Amino acid sequence: MIIQEATEKDIPSLAKSMSLAYSEAPWNEKWTEASALRRVRAILENYEGLERDCVSVQYKRF
């Protein structure tokens, strides 16, 4: 597995993946392209969420 930091050019494909994932069960949400892009940018900037903190804590346990 190759892990690398996401860059600005990755944001559109990440947004598409995220909106597809959340469109299925159990969420069944309909995201606009704009809302998906906003959420991905928010996660990458660690704004409006704690995703990075949660991932860091989870990985530290292993």
Protein backbone atom coordinates (compact mmCIF):
# COMPACT_ATOMS: atom_id res chain seq x y z
CA MET A 1 0.00 0.00 0.00
CA ILE A 2 1.25 3.47 -0.86
CA ILE A 3 0.18 6.32 1.39
CA GLN A 4 0.77 9.88 0.29
CA GLU A 5 -0.49 13.29 1.26
CA ALA A 6 -3.46 14.57 -0.73
CA THR A 7 -2.86 17.67 -2.80
CA GLU A 8 -5.13 20.25 -4.40
CA LYS A 9 -5.23 18.22 -7.62
CA ASP A 10 -6.64 15.23 -5.69
CA ILE A 11 -9.62 17.13 -4.29
CA PRO A 12 -12.08 16.58 -7.18
CA SER A 13 -11.59 12.79 -7.19
CA LEU A 14 -11.73 12.65 -3.39
CA ALA A 15 -14.98 14.62 -3.44
CA LYS A 16 -16.46 12.25 -6.03
CA SER A 17 -15.46 9.21 -3.96
CA MET A 18 -16.87 10.73 -0.80
CA SER A 19 -20.20 11.64 -2.40
CA LEU A 20 -20.50 8.13 -3.87
CA ALA A 21 -19.73 6.51 -0.53
CA TYR A 22 -22.29 8.60 1.34
CA SER A 23 -24.95 8.00 -1.31
CA GLU A 24 -25.19 4.35 -0.26
CA ALA A 25 -26.52 2.68 2.88
CA PRO A 26 -26.53 3.43 5.72
CA TRP A 27 -26.34 7.16 4.90
CA ASN A 28 -28.27 7.45 1.60
CA GLU A 29 -27.34 11.13 1.33
CA LYS A 30 -27.39 13.21 -1.85
CA TRP A 31 -24.41 15.53 -1.97
CA THR A 32 -23.93 18.24 -4.56
CA GLU A 33 -20.53 18.54 -6.17
CA ALA A 34 -20.05 21.83 -4.34
CA SER A 35 -20.86 20.36 -0.92
CA ALA A 36 -18.56 17.38 -1.50
CA LEU A 37 -15.70 19.67 -2.55
CA ARG A 38 -16.31 21.89 0.48
CA ARG A 39 -16.26 18.92 2.85
CA VAL A 40 -13.07 17.45 1.41
CA ARG A 41 -11.34 20.81 1.66
CA ALA A 42 -12.60 21.15 5.24
CA ILE A 43 -11.19 17.75 6.16
CA LEU A 44 -7.83 18.50 4.56
CA GLU A 45 -7.66 21.82 6.38
CA ASN A 46 -8.96 20.21 9.60
CA TYR A 47 -11.78 22.75 9.70
CA GLU A 48 -15.34 21.80 10.70
CA GLY A 49 -14.22 18.36 11.77
CA LEU A 50 -11.98 16.21 13.88
CA GLU A 51 -11.22 13.55 11.28
CA ARG A 52 -7.43 13.87 11.43
CA ASP A 53 -7.45 13.88 15.23
CA CYS A 54 -9.62 10.78 15.32
CA VAL A 55 -7.46 8.95 12.80
CA SER A 56 -4.31 9.89 14.69
CA VAL A 57 -5.71 8.61 17.96
CA GLN A 58 -6.92 5.41 16.33
CA TYR A 59 -3.52 4.67 14.74
CA LYS A 60 -1.66 5.38 17.95
CA ARG A 61 -3.53 2.54 19.64
CA PHE A 62 -1.99 -0.05 17.32
